[in-house]
Amino acid sequence: MNGRSKQARRLFLPRVRTKAGFTLIELLVTLAVISTLVGVGFYSIARGTNERALERGADVLHSMIRVARTQAITNGVHARLIINADASDPEFYLRRIGVVLEGDGEVTIDSEDHYTVQAVERGALLPEGIYIVPQGSGALVGSGFPRSIYRQVNGDTSDDTAVYSFEYPMKEAVPVNVSGTPDWICIQFAPNGRLSSATPGGGGLVPRSNQLILARGHWSGGKVDFRNAERFLGIAFKLSGASFASEDSALFELEKEEAEAGD
């Protein structure tokens, strides 16, 4: 009887199967695969972030351009989009953007009359590593890579014609071209929203062509080095003051040819 009872219990008891654990090699292989996948994921995220930085920079710049043009029309005065051109400040050089309006009049400093401007807001900063490509010698640029075009009149395309010196931002109207203050490149809009020369009050010839080029660069020896930039984004201006973004190099080469033809 006891023997039969034991046999019956064995029939109804669940069978427990022993399962071997992972071997050390299997664990190492699994960890290696996980590490590789995680690394690829982080690389993809970082690459996507870097690629989007140029688009974000173009969005920031175009937004500030619209602010400048709108302020000119709304206030009935000349308004300037300004870009930091002070190479002594690597953090802001060719990255900080602002908008200023012409002041009510001139101020006299050291027996000289100075045109005044006043800030509209505190400005914006392009994403890290994204810069405006200057038109002159303030950068290292590869052959054939497009440059910005900004100037006062058709007859002079040097950087100095469109650069003014003043503190920014400011609560009150301040004079331009004051020694010891940061330099700013500017593109100016007239009270009707049209593109204007960069001279105080809008005098002089209206530039035939203006464009701003953005690209990834890095600080090198007191200049921004764009020679490793693989692509660019540009914003071209029409005489009407309207602007549009593009990365069509042929378009910006055409703008450059038209600008040179008008000189």
C-alpha atoms as a PDB file:
ATOM      1  CA  MET A   1       0.000   0.000   0.000  1.00  0.00           C
ATOM      2  CA  ASN A   2       2.737   2.403   0.872  1.00  0.00           C
ATOM      3  CA  GLY A   3       4.556   1.600  -2.327  1.00  0.00           C
ATOM      4  CA  ARG A   4       1.466   2.319  -4.418  1.00  0.00           C
ATOM      5  CA  SER A   5       0.831   5.607  -2.575  1.00  0.00           C
ATOM      6  CA  LYS A   6       4.358   6.803  -3.270  1.00  0.00           C
ATOM      7  CA  GLN A   7       3.999   5.863  -6.926  1.00  0.00           C
ATOM      8  CA  ALA A   8       0.672   7.732  -7.180  1.00  0.00           C
ATOM      9  CA  ARG A   9       2.202  10.838  -5.592  1.00  0.00           C
ATOM     10  CA  ARG A  10       5.028  10.782  -8.102  1.00  0.00           C
ATOM     11  CA  LEU A  11       2.480  10.753 -10.958  1.00  0.00           C
ATOM     12  CA  PHE A  12       0.718  13.899  -9.743  1.00  0.00           C
ATOM     13  CA  LEU A  13       3.686  15.912  -8.500  1.00  0.00           C
ATOM     14  CA  PRO A  14       4.895  18.593 -10.984  1.00  0.00           C
ATOM     15  CA  ARG A  15       8.157  17.876 -12.628  1.00  0.00           C
ATOM     16  CA  VAL A  16      10.849  20.425 -11.897  1.00  0.00           C
ATOM     17  CA  ARG A  17      13.266  20.949 -14.751  1.00  0.00           C
ATOM     18  CA  THR A  18      16.636  22.305 -13.997  1.00  0.00           C
ATOM     19  CA  LYS A  19      17.760  25.095 -16.335  1.00  0.00           C
ATOM     20  CA  ALA A  20      21.335  26.083 -16.733  1.00  0.00           C
ATOM     21  CA  GLY A  21      22.227  29.812 -16.262  1.00  0.00           C
ATOM     22  CA  PHE A  22      24.053  32.063 -18.747  1.00  0.00           C
ATOM     23  CA  THR A  23      27.682  31.334 -19.223  1.00  0.00           C
ATOM     24  CA  LEU A  24      30.261  34.055 -18.720  1.00  0.00           C
ATOM     25  CA  ILE A  25      30.861  34.272 -22.471  1.00  0.00           C
ATOM     26  CA  GLU A  26      27.135  34.697 -23.184  1.00  0.00           C
ATOM     27  CA  LEU A  27      26.920  37.509 -20.630  1.00  0.00           C
ATOM     28  CA  LEU A  28      29.944  39.280 -22.112  1.00  0.00           C
ATOM     29  CA  VAL A  29      28.542  38.999 -25.638  1.00  0.00           C
ATOM     30  CA  THR A  30      25.161  40.375 -24.492  1.00  0.00           C
ATOM     31  CA  LEU A  31      26.793  43.318 -22.710  1.00  0.00           C
ATOM     32  CA  ALA A  32      28.890  44.052 -25.784  1.00  0.00           C
ATOM     33  CA  VAL A  33      25.806  44.131 -28.019  1.00  0.00           C
ATOM     34  CA  ILE A  34      23.938  46.408 -25.599  1.00  0.00           C
ATOM     35  CA  SER A  35      26.921  48.786 -25.390  1.00  0.00           C
ATOM     36  CA  THR A  36      27.159  48.965 -29.166  1.00  0.00           C
ATOM     37  CA  LEU A  37      23.452  49.726 -29.545  1.00  0.00           C
ATOM     38  CA  VAL A  38      23.592  52.418 -26.875  1.00  0.00           C
ATOM     39  CA  GLY A  39      26.661  53.992 -28.509  1.00  0.00           C
ATOM     40  CA  VAL A  40      25.017  54.048 -31.929  1.00  0.00           C
ATOM     41  CA  GLY A  41      21.910  55.595 -30.402  1.00  0.00           C
ATOM     42  CA  PHE A  42      23.847  58.395 -28.705  1.00  0.00           C
ATOM     43  CA  TYR A  43      25.871  59.035 -31.881  1.00  0.00           C
ATOM     44  CA  SER A  44      22.684  59.296 -33.941  1.00  0.00           C
ATOM     45  CA  ILE A  45      21.140  61.714 -31.445  1.00  0.00           C
ATOM     46  CA  ALA A  46      24.278  63.852 -31.327  1.00  0.00           C
ATOM     47  CA  ARG A  47      24.583  63.883 -35.107  1.00  0.00           C
ATOM     48  CA  GLY A  48      20.937  64.838 -35.504  1.00  0.00           C
ATOM     49  CA  THR A  49      21.340  67.618 -32.934  1.00  0.00           C
ATOM     50  CA  ASN A  50      24.394  69.012 -34.731  1.00  0.00           C
ATOM     51  CA  GLU A  51      22.664  68.932 -38.101  1.00  0.00           C
ATOM     52  CA  ARG A  52      19.602  70.682 -36.709  1.00  0.00           C
ATOM     53  CA  ALA A  53      21.739  73.434 -35.165  1.00  0.00           C
ATOM     54  CA  LEU A  54      22.180  75.077 -38.574  1.00  0.00           C
ATOM     55  CA  GLU A  55      18.424  75.067 -39.187  1.00  0.00           C
ATOM     56  CA  ARG A  56      17.803  76.464 -35.702  1.00  0.00           C
ATOM     57  CA  GLY A  57      20.328  79.211 -36.378  1.00  0.00           C
ATOM     58  CA  ALA A  58      18.589  80.127 -39.639  1.00  0.00           C
ATOM     59  CA  ASP A  59      15.256  80.243 -37.796  1.00  0.00           C
ATOM     60  CA  VAL A  60      16.713  82.598 -35.159  1.00  0.00           C
ATOM     61  CA  LEU A  61      18.282  84.866 -37.772  1.00  0.00           C
ATOM     62  CA  HIS A  62      15.188  85.010 -39.969  1.00  0.00           C
ATOM     63  CA  SER A  63      13.021  85.770 -36.954  1.00  0.00           C
ATOM     64  CA  MET A  64      15.227  88.733 -36.028  1.00  0.00           C
ATOM     65  CA  ILE A  65      15.171  89.956 -39.642  1.00  0.00           C
ATOM     66  CA  ARG A  66      11.375  90.011 -39.539  1.00  0.00           C
ATOM     67  CA  VAL A  67      11.483  91.905 -36.232  1.00  0.00           C
ATOM     68  CA  ALA A  68      13.759  94.568 -37.738  1.00  0.00           C
ATOM     69  CA  ARG A  69      11.607  95.060 -40.842  1.00  0.00           C
ATOM     70  CA  THR A  70       8.367  95.105 -38.830  1.00  0.00           C
ATOM     71  CA  GLN A  71       9.801  97.658 -36.382  1.00  0.00           C
ATOM     72  CA  ALA A  72      10.823  99.927 -39.272  1.00  0.00           C
ATOM     73  CA  ILE A  73       7.306  99.868 -40.732  1.00  0.00           C
ATOM     74  CA  THR A  74       5.502 100.118 -37.372  1.00  0.00           C
ATOM     75  CA  ASN A  75       7.570 103.026 -36.018  1.00  0.00           C
ATOM     76  CA  GLY A  76       8.100 104.830 -39.327  1.00  0.00           C
ATOM     77  CA  VAL A  77      11.893 105.031 -38.847  1.00  0.00           C
ATOM     78  CA  HIS A  78      14.959 103.224 -40.125  1.00  0.00           C
ATOM     79  CA  ALA A  79      15.633  99.963 -38.314  1.00  0.00           C
ATOM     80  CA  ARG A  80      18.785  97.880 -38.332  1.00  0.00           C
ATOM     81  CA  LEU A  81      19.436  94.204 -37.948  1.00  0.00           C
ATOM     82  CA  ILE A  82      22.813  94.137 -36.187  1.00  0.00           C
ATOM     83  CA  ILE A  83      25.341  91.304 -35.893  1.00  0.00           C
ATOM     84  CA  ASN A  84      28.261  91.362 -33.485  1.00  0.00           C
ATOM     85  CA  ALA A  85      31.532  91.935 -35.363  1.00  0.00           C
ATOM     86  CA  ASP A  86      33.822  92.356 -32.361  1.00  0.00           C
ATOM     87  CA  ALA A  87      36.551  89.717 -32.797  1.00  0.00           C
ATOM     88  CA  SER A  88      37.827  90.411 -29.271  1.00  0.00           C
ATOM     89  CA  ASP A  89      34.736  88.630 -27.900  1.00  0.00           C
ATOM     90  CA  PRO A  90      34.743  85.006 -29.192  1.00  0.00           C
ATOM     91  CA  GLU A  91      31.496  84.164 -27.376  1.00  0.00           C
ATOM     92  CA  PHE A  92      29.431  86.732 -29.305  1.00  0.00           C
ATOM     93  CA  TYR A  93      31.499  87.324 -32.456  1.00  0.00           C
ATOM     94  CA  LEU A  94      29.309  86.699 -35.544  1.00  0.00           C
ATOM     95  CA  ARG A  95      26.740  84.990 -33.276  1.00  0.00           C
ATOM     96  CA  ARG A  96      24.895  87.693 -31.347  1.00  0.00           C
ATOM     97  CA  ILE A  97      22.053  89.389 -33.227  1.00  0.00           C
ATOM     98  CA  GLY A  98      19.970  92.413 -32.287  1.00  0.00           C
ATOM     99  CA  VAL A  99      17.599  95.058 -33.625  1.00  0.00           C
ATOM    100  CA  VAL A 100      17.972  98.827 -33.165  1.00  0.00           C
ATOM    101  CA  LEU A 101      15.929 101.825 -34.310  1.00  0.00           C
ATOM    102  CA  GLU A 102      17.318 105.187 -35.318  1.00  0.00           C
ATOM    103  CA  GLY A 103      17.135 107.744 -32.500  1.00  0.00           C
ATOM    104  CA  ASP A 104      15.264 111.040 -32.447  1.00  0.00           C
ATOM    105  CA  GLY A 105      18.343 113.066 -33.319  1.00  0.00           C
ATOM    106  CA  GLU A 106      22.091 113.376 -32.960  1.00  0.00           C
ATOM    107  CA  VAL A 107      24.312 113.871 -29.944  1.00  0.00           C
ATOM    108  CA  THR A 108      27.558 115.839 -29.828  1.00  0.00           C
ATOM    109  CA  ILE A 109      30.687 114.137 -28.507  1.00  0.00           C
ATOM    110  CA  ASP A 110      34.074 115.870 -28.680  1.00  0.00           C
ATOM    111  CA  SER A 111      32.605 118.544 -30.973  1.00  0.00           C
ATOM    112  CA  GLU A 112      31.322 115.889 -33.419  1.00  0.00           C
ATOM    113  CA  ASP A 113      27.692 114.999 -34.126  1.00  0.00           C
ATOM    114  CA  HIS A 114      26.849 111.316 -33.776  1.00  0.00           C
ATOM    115  CA  TYR A 115      23.836 109.479 -35.148  1.00  0.00           C
ATOM    116  CA  THR A 116      21.959 107.609 -32.396  1.00  0.00           C
ATOM    117  CA  VAL A 117      20.230 104.247 -32.168  1.00  0.00           C
ATOM    118  CA  GLN A 118      18.098 102.538 -29.552  1.00  0.00           C
ATOM    119  CA  ALA A 119      17.574  98.828 -28.885  1.00  0.00           C
ATOM    120  CA  VAL A 120      14.212  97.215 -29.544  1.00  0.00           C
ATOM    121  CA  GLU A 121      14.938  94.147 -27.391  1.00  0.00           C
ATOM    122  CA  ARG A 122      17.818  92.219 -25.840  1.00  0.00           C
ATOM    123  CA  GLY A 123      18.663  90.271 -28.978  1.00  0.00           C
ATOM    124  CA  ALA A 124      19.369  86.622 -29.681  1.00  0.00           C
ATOM    125  CA  LEU A 125      22.321  84.250 -29.883  1.00  0.00           C
ATOM    126  CA  LEU A 126      22.919  81.680 -32.620  1.00  0.00           C
ATOM    127  CA  PRO A 127      23.375  78.047 -31.506  1.00  0.00           C
ATOM    128  CA  GLU A 128      26.856  77.098 -30.362  1.00  0.00           C
ATOM    129  CA  GLY A 129      29.171  76.495 -33.314  1.00  0.00           C
ATOM    130  CA  ILE A 130      26.950  78.346 -35.819  1.00  0.00           C
ATOM    131  CA  TYR A 131      28.212  81.673 -37.187  1.00  0.00           C
ATOM    132  CA  ILE A 132      27.454  84.295 -39.813  1.00  0.00           C
ATOM    133  CA  VAL A 133      30.072  83.991 -42.580  1.00  0.00           C
ATOM    134  CA  PRO A 134      31.452  87.554 -42.949  1.00  0.00           C
ATOM    135  CA  GLN A 135      32.050  89.149 -46.323  1.00  0.00           C
ATOM    136  CA  GLY A 136      35.628  90.217 -45.607  1.00  0.00           C
ATOM    137  CA  SER A 137      38.753  88.896 -43.943  1.00  0.00           C
ATOM    138  CA  GLY A 138      37.246  88.084 -40.556  1.00  0.00           C
ATOM    139  CA  ALA A 139      37.071  84.354 -41.245  1.00  0.00           C
ATOM    140  CA  LEU A 140      38.853  81.416 -42.862  1.00  0.00           C
ATOM    141  CA  VAL A 141      36.649  80.244 -45.727  1.00  0.00           C
ATOM    142  CA  GLY A 142      37.243  77.535 -48.313  1.00  0.00           C
ATOM    143  CA  SER A 143      37.401  78.309 -52.022  1.00  0.00           C
ATOM    144  CA  GLY A 144      33.957  78.654 -53.582  1.00  0.00           C
ATOM    145  CA  PHE A 145      32.144  78.799 -50.239  1.00  0.00           C
ATOM    146  CA  PRO A 146      29.543  81.630 -50.260  1.00  0.00           C
ATOM    147  CA  ARG A 147      29.995  84.719 -48.101  1.00  0.00           C
ATOM    148  CA  SER A 148      27.609  87.289 -46.723  1.00  0.00           C
ATOM    149  CA  ILE A 149      27.088  90.582 -48.570  1.00  0.00           C
ATOM    150  CA  TYR A 150      26.261  93.759 -46.666  1.00  0.00           C
ATOM    151  CA  ARG A 151      27.314  97.330 -47.421  1.00  0.00           C
ATOM    152  CA  GLN A 152      26.326 100.967 -47.427  1.00  0.00           C
ATOM    153  CA  VAL A 153      26.560 101.728 -51.106  1.00  0.00           C
ATOM    154  CA  ASN A 154      27.175  99.854 -54.325  1.00  0.00           C
ATOM    155  CA  GLY A 155      30.600 101.390 -54.816  1.00  0.00           C
ATOM    156  CA  ASP A 156      32.223  99.988 -51.675  1.00  0.00           C
ATOM    157  CA  THR A 157      31.971  96.394 -50.420  1.00  0.00           C
ATOM    158  CA  SER A 158      34.533  96.500 -47.607  1.00  0.00           C
ATOM    159  CA  ASP A 159      33.469  95.417 -44.123  1.00  0.00           C
ATOM    160  CA  ASP A 160      34.012  98.887 -42.644  1.00  0.00           C
ATOM    161  CA  THR A 161      31.181 100.455 -44.639  1.00  0.00           C
ATOM    162  CA  ALA A 162      28.543  98.506 -42.768  1.00  0.00           C
ATOM    163  CA  VAL A 163      30.076  98.349 -39.294  1.00  0.00           C
ATOM    164  CA  TYR A 164      29.220 100.682 -36.422  1.00  0.00           C
ATOM    165  CA  SER A 165      30.387 100.738 -32.798  1.00  0.00           C
ATOM    166  CA  PHE A 166      28.095 101.058 -29.799  1.00  0.00           C
ATOM    167  CA  GLU A 167      27.029  99.257 -26.651  1.00  0.00           C
ATOM    168  CA  TYR A 168      24.103  96.827 -26.920  1.00  0.00           C
ATOM    169  CA  PRO A 169      21.505  96.388 -25.557  1.00  0.00           C
ATOM    170  CA  MET A 170      20.658  99.866 -24.320  1.00  0.00           C
ATOM    171  CA  LYS A 171      17.582 101.436 -22.705  1.00  0.00           C
ATOM    172  CA  GLU A 172      18.198 104.899 -24.077  1.00  0.00           C
ATOM    173  CA  ALA A 173      19.373 106.130 -27.469  1.00  0.00           C
ATOM    174  CA  VAL A 174      23.168 105.927 -27.756  1.00  0.00           C
ATOM    175  CA  PRO A 175      25.596 107.333 -30.341  1.00  0.00           C
ATOM    176  CA  VAL A 176      27.183 105.071 -32.973  1.00  0.00           C
ATOM    177  CA  ASN A 177      30.860 104.905 -33.882  1.00  0.00           C
ATOM    178  CA  VAL A 178      32.075 105.437 -30.335  1.00  0.00           C
ATOM    179  CA  SER A 179      35.619 104.194 -29.718  1.00  0.00           C
ATOM    180  CA  GLY A 180      36.063 101.378 -27.240  1.00  0.00           C
ATOM    181  CA  THR A 181      32.622  99.846 -27.885  1.00  0.00           C
ATOM    182  CA  PRO A 182      31.799  96.587 -29.717  1.00  0.00           C
ATOM    183  CA  ASP A 183      31.497  96.599 -33.491  1.00  0.00           C
ATOM    184  CA  TRP A 184      28.266  95.608 -35.235  1.00  0.00           C
ATOM    185  CA  ILE A 185      27.534  94.701 -38.857  1.00  0.00           C
ATOM    186  CA  CYS A 186      24.147  96.006 -39.941  1.00  0.00           C
ATOM    187  CA  ILE A 187      21.490  95.587 -42.602  1.00  0.00           C
ATOM    188  CA  GLN A 188      19.053  98.487 -42.610  1.00  0.00           C
ATOM    189  CA  PHE A 189      15.362  98.727 -43.468  1.00  0.00           C
ATOM    190  CA  ALA A 190      13.633 101.958 -44.469  1.00  0.00           C
ATOM    191  CA  PRO A 191      10.357 103.146 -42.871  1.00  0.00           C
ATOM    192  CA  ASN A 192       8.447 101.592 -45.796  1.00  0.00           C
ATOM    193  CA  GLY A 193      10.057  98.211 -45.110  1.00  0.00           C
ATOM    194  CA  ARG A 194      12.318  98.299 -48.157  1.00  0.00           C
ATOM    195  CA  LEU A 195      16.006  97.510 -48.028  1.00  0.00           C
ATOM    196  CA  SER A 196      18.025 100.651 -47.315  1.00  0.00           C
ATOM    197  CA  SER A 197      21.645 101.637 -47.455  1.00  0.00           C
ATOM    198  CA  ALA A 198      23.403 101.265 -44.109  1.00  0.00           C
ATOM    199  CA  THR A 199      24.227 104.968 -43.822  1.00  0.00           C
ATOM    200  CA  PRO A 200      22.680 106.932 -40.941  1.00  0.00           C
ATOM    201  CA  GLY A 201      19.221 108.024 -41.996  1.00  0.00           C
ATOM    202  CA  GLY A 202      19.335 105.823 -45.102  1.00  0.00           C
ATOM    203  CA  GLY A 203      21.240 108.184 -47.368  1.00  0.00           C
ATOM    204  CA  GLY A 204      23.274 106.932 -50.314  1.00  0.00           C
ATOM    205  CA  LEU A 205      22.575 104.285 -52.920  1.00  0.00           C
ATOM    206  CA  VAL A 206      20.362 101.359 -52.004  1.00  0.00           C
ATOM    207  CA  PRO A 207      22.423  98.150 -52.215  1.00  0.00           C
ATOM    208  CA  ARG A 208      21.485  95.929 -55.154  1.00  0.00           C
ATOM    209  CA  SER A 209      22.121  92.776 -53.193  1.00  0.00           C
ATOM    210  CA  ASN A 210      22.370  91.672 -49.586  1.00  0.00           C
ATOM    211  CA  GLN A 211      22.680  88.175 -48.209  1.00  0.00           C
ATOM    212  CA  LEU A 212      23.611  86.520 -44.936  1.00  0.00           C
ATOM    213  CA  ILE A 213      25.275  83.100 -44.918  1.00  0.00           C
ATOM    214  CA  LEU A 214      25.313  80.779 -41.893  1.00  0.00           C
ATOM    215  CA  ALA A 215      27.583  77.775 -41.450  1.00  0.00           C
ATOM    216  CA  ARG A 216      29.218  75.640 -38.783  1.00  0.00           C
ATOM    217  CA  GLY A 217      32.644  76.902 -37.755  1.00  0.00           C
ATOM    218  CA  HIS A 218      35.108  76.994 -34.890  1.00  0.00           C
ATOM    219  CA  TRP A 219      37.277  79.653 -33.297  1.00  0.00           C
ATOM    220  CA  SER A 220      40.871  79.531 -34.515  1.00  0.00           C
ATOM    221  CA  GLY A 221      43.611  82.127 -34.053  1.00  0.00           C
ATOM    222  CA  GLY A 222      41.295  85.092 -33.601  1.00  0.00           C
ATOM    223  CA  LYS A 223      39.083  84.144 -36.547  1.00  0.00           C
ATOM    224  CA  VAL A 224      36.237  81.748 -37.244  1.00  0.00           C
ATOM    225  CA  ASP A 225      37.330  78.783 -39.386  1.00  0.00           C
ATOM    226  CA  PHE A 226      34.675  77.563 -41.828  1.00  0.00           C
ATOM    227  CA  ARG A 227      36.977  75.392 -43.956  1.00  0.00           C
ATOM    228  CA  ASN A 228      35.482  72.129 -42.645  1.00  0.00           C
ATOM    229  CA  ALA A 229      31.882  73.270 -43.101  1.00  0.00           C
ATOM    230  CA  GLU A 230      30.000  70.746 -45.235  1.00  0.00           C
ATOM    231  CA  ARG A 231      26.927  72.867 -45.893  1.00  0.00           C
ATOM    232  CA  PHE A 232      25.484  76.323 -45.382  1.00  0.00           C
ATOM    233  CA  LEU A 233      22.137  78.054 -45.128  1.00  0.00           C
ATOM    234  CA  GLY A 234      21.673  81.505 -46.586  1.00  0.00           C
ATOM    235  CA  ILE A 235      19.092  84.258 -46.360  1.00  0.00           C
ATOM    236  CA  ALA A 236      18.771  86.520 -49.382  1.00  0.00           C
ATOM    237  CA  PHE A 237      17.101  89.927 -49.382  1.00  0.00           C
ATOM    238  CA  LYS A 238      15.040  91.531 -52.117  1.00  0.00           C
ATOM    239  CA  LEU A 239      15.004  95.304 -52.599  1.00  0.00           C
ATOM    240  CA  SER A 240      11.430  95.250 -51.306  1.00  0.00           C
ATOM    241  CA  GLY A 241      12.818  94.123 -47.950  1.00  0.00           C
ATOM    242  CA  ALA A 242      11.366  90.635 -48.214  1.00  0.00           C
ATOM    243  CA  SER A 243      13.764  87.791 -47.436  1.00  0.00           C
ATOM    244  CA  PHE A 244      13.899  84.057 -48.004  1.00  0.00           C
ATOM    245  CA  ALA A 245      16.099  81.171 -46.872  1.00  0.00           C
ATOM    246  CA  SER A 246      17.842  78.739 -49.189  1.00  0.00           C
ATOM    247  CA  GLU A 247      20.885  76.486 -49.472  1.00  0.00           C
ATOM    248  CA  ASP A 248      21.111  76.748 -53.233  1.00  0.00           C
ATOM    249  CA  SER A 249      24.710  77.808 -53.888  1.00  0.00           C
ATOM    250  CA  ALA A 250      23.847  78.883 -57.442  1.00  0.00           C
ATOM    251  CA  LEU A 251      21.357  81.406 -56.062  1.00  0.00           C
ATOM    252  CA  PHE A 252      23.929  83.053 -53.824  1.00  0.00           C
ATOM    253  CA  GLU A 253      26.579  83.058 -56.526  1.00  0.00           C
ATOM    254  CA  LEU A 254      24.061  84.918 -58.705  1.00  0.00           C
ATOM    255  CA  GLU A 255      23.474  87.416 -55.909  1.00  0.00           C
ATOM    256  CA  LYS A 256      27.240  87.956 -55.650  1.00  0.00           C
ATOM    257  CA  GLU A 257      27.593  88.483 -59.411  1.00  0.00           C
ATOM    258  CA  GLU A 258      24.754  91.011 -59.423  1.00  0.00           C
ATOM    259  CA  ALA A 259      26.331  92.845 -56.495  1.00  0.00           C
ATOM    260  CA  GLU A 260      29.707  93.020 -58.237  1.00  0.00           C
ATOM    261  CA  ALA A 261      28.074  94.098 -61.493  1.00  0.00           C
ATOM    262  CA  GLY A 262      26.476  97.059 -59.707  1.00  0.00           C
ATOM    263  CA  ASP A 263      29.748  98.282 -58.201  1.00  0.00           C
END
